[in-house]
Amino acid sequence: MEAVTIHTKKLTGSPLWEIRILGQDNIRVIYAILVKDTVLLLHGFIKKSQKTPTREIEKALLRLKEYQSRS
């Protein structure tokens, strides 16, 4: 069984956070914390470059706006 490391970080200049799952693939999940006990998972992808691609952040922001408009 392969070892997996998980890290989280705030994406600068946005309400978004990123879960980094490091193993055979570098998986990222972008999420937002809506209230103290609610986390909304917005977008997941396999990261292939050092920096999080802008288009992936834009997808997550669009989904967050869509969610907020329905609530």
C-alpha atoms as a PDB file:
ATOM      1  CA  MET A   1       0.000   0.000   0.000  1.00  0.00           C
ATOM      2  CA  GLU A   2       1.375   3.406  -1.027  1.00  0.00           C
ATOM      3  CA  ALA A   3       1.824   6.191   1.519  1.00  0.00           C
ATOM      4  CA  VAL A   4      -0.382   9.219   0.993  1.00  0.00           C
ATOM      5  CA  THR A   5       0.193  12.678   2.443  1.00  0.00           C
ATOM      6  CA  ILE A   6      -2.608  15.227   2.817  1.00  0.00           C
ATOM      7  CA  HIS A   7      -2.140  18.983   3.218  1.00  0.00           C
ATOM      8  CA  THR A   8      -4.522  21.943   3.139  1.00  0.00           C
ATOM      9  CA  LYS A   9      -3.862  25.563   2.241  1.00  0.00           C
ATOM     10  CA  LYS A  10      -5.803  28.781   1.680  1.00  0.00           C
ATOM     11  CA  LEU A  11      -5.831  30.050  -1.902  1.00  0.00           C
ATOM     12  CA  THR A  12      -4.666  33.656  -1.678  1.00  0.00           C
ATOM     13  CA  GLY A  13      -7.170  36.335  -2.628  1.00  0.00           C
ATOM     14  CA  SER A  14     -10.220  34.072  -2.632  1.00  0.00           C
ATOM     15  CA  PRO A  15     -12.618  32.362  -0.216  1.00  0.00           C
ATOM     16  CA  LEU A  16     -11.291  28.991  -1.402  1.00  0.00           C
ATOM     17  CA  TRP A  17      -9.116  26.330   0.207  1.00  0.00           C
ATOM     18  CA  GLU A  18      -7.242  23.461  -1.417  1.00  0.00           C
ATOM     19  CA  ILE A  19      -6.748  19.913  -0.164  1.00  0.00           C
ATOM     20  CA  ARG A  20      -3.523  18.472  -1.574  1.00  0.00           C
ATOM     21  CA  ILE A  21      -3.384  14.680  -1.703  1.00  0.00           C
ATOM     22  CA  LEU A  22       0.150  13.610  -2.541  1.00  0.00           C
ATOM     23  CA  GLY A  23       0.754  10.052  -3.659  1.00  0.00           C
ATOM     24  CA  GLN A  24       1.095   8.367  -7.032  1.00  0.00           C
ATOM     25  CA  ASP A  25      -1.006  11.205  -8.490  1.00  0.00           C
ATOM     26  CA  ASN A  26      -1.091  14.757  -7.167  1.00  0.00           C
ATOM     27  CA  ILE A  27      -4.799  15.215  -6.562  1.00  0.00           C
ATOM     28  CA  ARG A  28      -6.330  18.556  -5.588  1.00  0.00           C
ATOM     29  CA  VAL A  29      -9.797  19.320  -4.256  1.00  0.00           C
ATOM     30  CA  ILE A  30     -10.882  22.948  -4.020  1.00  0.00           C
ATOM     31  CA  TYR A  31     -13.447  23.746  -1.342  1.00  0.00           C
ATOM     32  CA  ALA A  32     -15.068  26.565   0.636  1.00  0.00           C
ATOM     33  CA  ILE A  33     -15.989  26.706   4.300  1.00  0.00           C
ATOM     34  CA  LEU A  34     -19.519  28.124   4.414  1.00  0.00           C
ATOM     35  CA  VAL A  35     -20.089  28.154   8.156  1.00  0.00           C
ATOM     36  CA  LYS A  36     -18.166  26.753  11.085  1.00  0.00           C
ATOM     37  CA  ASP A  37     -19.272  23.152  10.468  1.00  0.00           C
ATOM     38  CA  THR A  38     -20.060  23.063   6.716  1.00  0.00           C
ATOM     39  CA  VAL A  39     -17.532  22.417   3.951  1.00  0.00           C
ATOM     40  CA  LEU A  40     -18.584  22.615   0.288  1.00  0.00           C
ATOM     41  CA  LEU A  41     -16.398  20.568  -2.101  1.00  0.00           C
ATOM     42  CA  LEU A  42     -16.383  22.472  -5.399  1.00  0.00           C
ATOM     43  CA  HIS A  43     -13.876  20.939  -7.807  1.00  0.00           C
ATOM     44  CA  GLY A  44     -11.336  18.128  -7.973  1.00  0.00           C
ATOM     45  CA  PHE A  45      -8.542  17.555 -10.486  1.00  0.00           C
ATOM     46  CA  ILE A  46      -5.126  15.971 -10.961  1.00  0.00           C
ATOM     47  CA  LYS A  47      -2.489  18.670 -10.779  1.00  0.00           C
ATOM     48  CA  LYS A  48       0.312  18.513 -13.321  1.00  0.00           C
ATOM     49  CA  SER A  49       2.096  21.828 -12.732  1.00  0.00           C
ATOM     50  CA  GLN A  50       3.615  23.583  -9.720  1.00  0.00           C
ATOM     51  CA  LYS A  51       0.992  26.348  -9.536  1.00  0.00           C
ATOM     52  CA  THR A  52      -2.759  25.723  -9.338  1.00  0.00           C
ATOM     53  CA  PRO A  53      -4.088  26.540 -12.850  1.00  0.00           C
ATOM     54  CA  THR A  54      -6.310  29.644 -13.001  1.00  0.00           C
ATOM     55  CA  ARG A  55      -9.002  27.767 -14.943  1.00  0.00           C
ATOM     56  CA  GLU A  56      -9.371  25.264 -12.087  1.00  0.00           C
ATOM     57  CA  ILE A  57      -9.833  28.081  -9.560  1.00  0.00           C
ATOM     58  CA  GLU A  58     -12.337  29.792 -11.880  1.00  0.00           C
ATOM     59  CA  LYS A  59     -14.393  26.567 -12.120  1.00  0.00           C
ATOM     60  CA  ALA A  60     -14.546  26.348  -8.335  1.00  0.00           C
ATOM     61  CA  LEU A  61     -15.503  30.028  -7.964  1.00  0.00           C
ATOM     62  CA  LEU A  62     -18.284  29.631 -10.542  1.00  0.00           C
ATOM     63  CA  ARG A  63     -19.675  26.615  -8.684  1.00  0.00           C
ATOM     64  CA  LEU A  64     -19.523  28.524  -5.390  1.00  0.00           C
ATOM     65  CA  LYS A  65     -21.468  31.440  -6.934  1.00  0.00           C
ATOM     66  CA  GLU A  66     -24.043  29.006  -8.374  1.00  0.00           C
ATOM     67  CA  TYR A  67     -24.482  27.398  -4.960  1.00  0.00           C
ATOM     68  CA  GLN A  68     -24.840  30.751  -3.214  1.00  0.00           C
ATOM     69  CA  SER A  69     -27.431  31.945  -5.747  1.00  0.00           C
ATOM     70  CA  ARG A  70     -29.588  28.864  -5.018  1.00  0.00           C
ATOM     71  CA  SER A  71     -29.345  29.256  -1.237  1.00  0.00           C
END
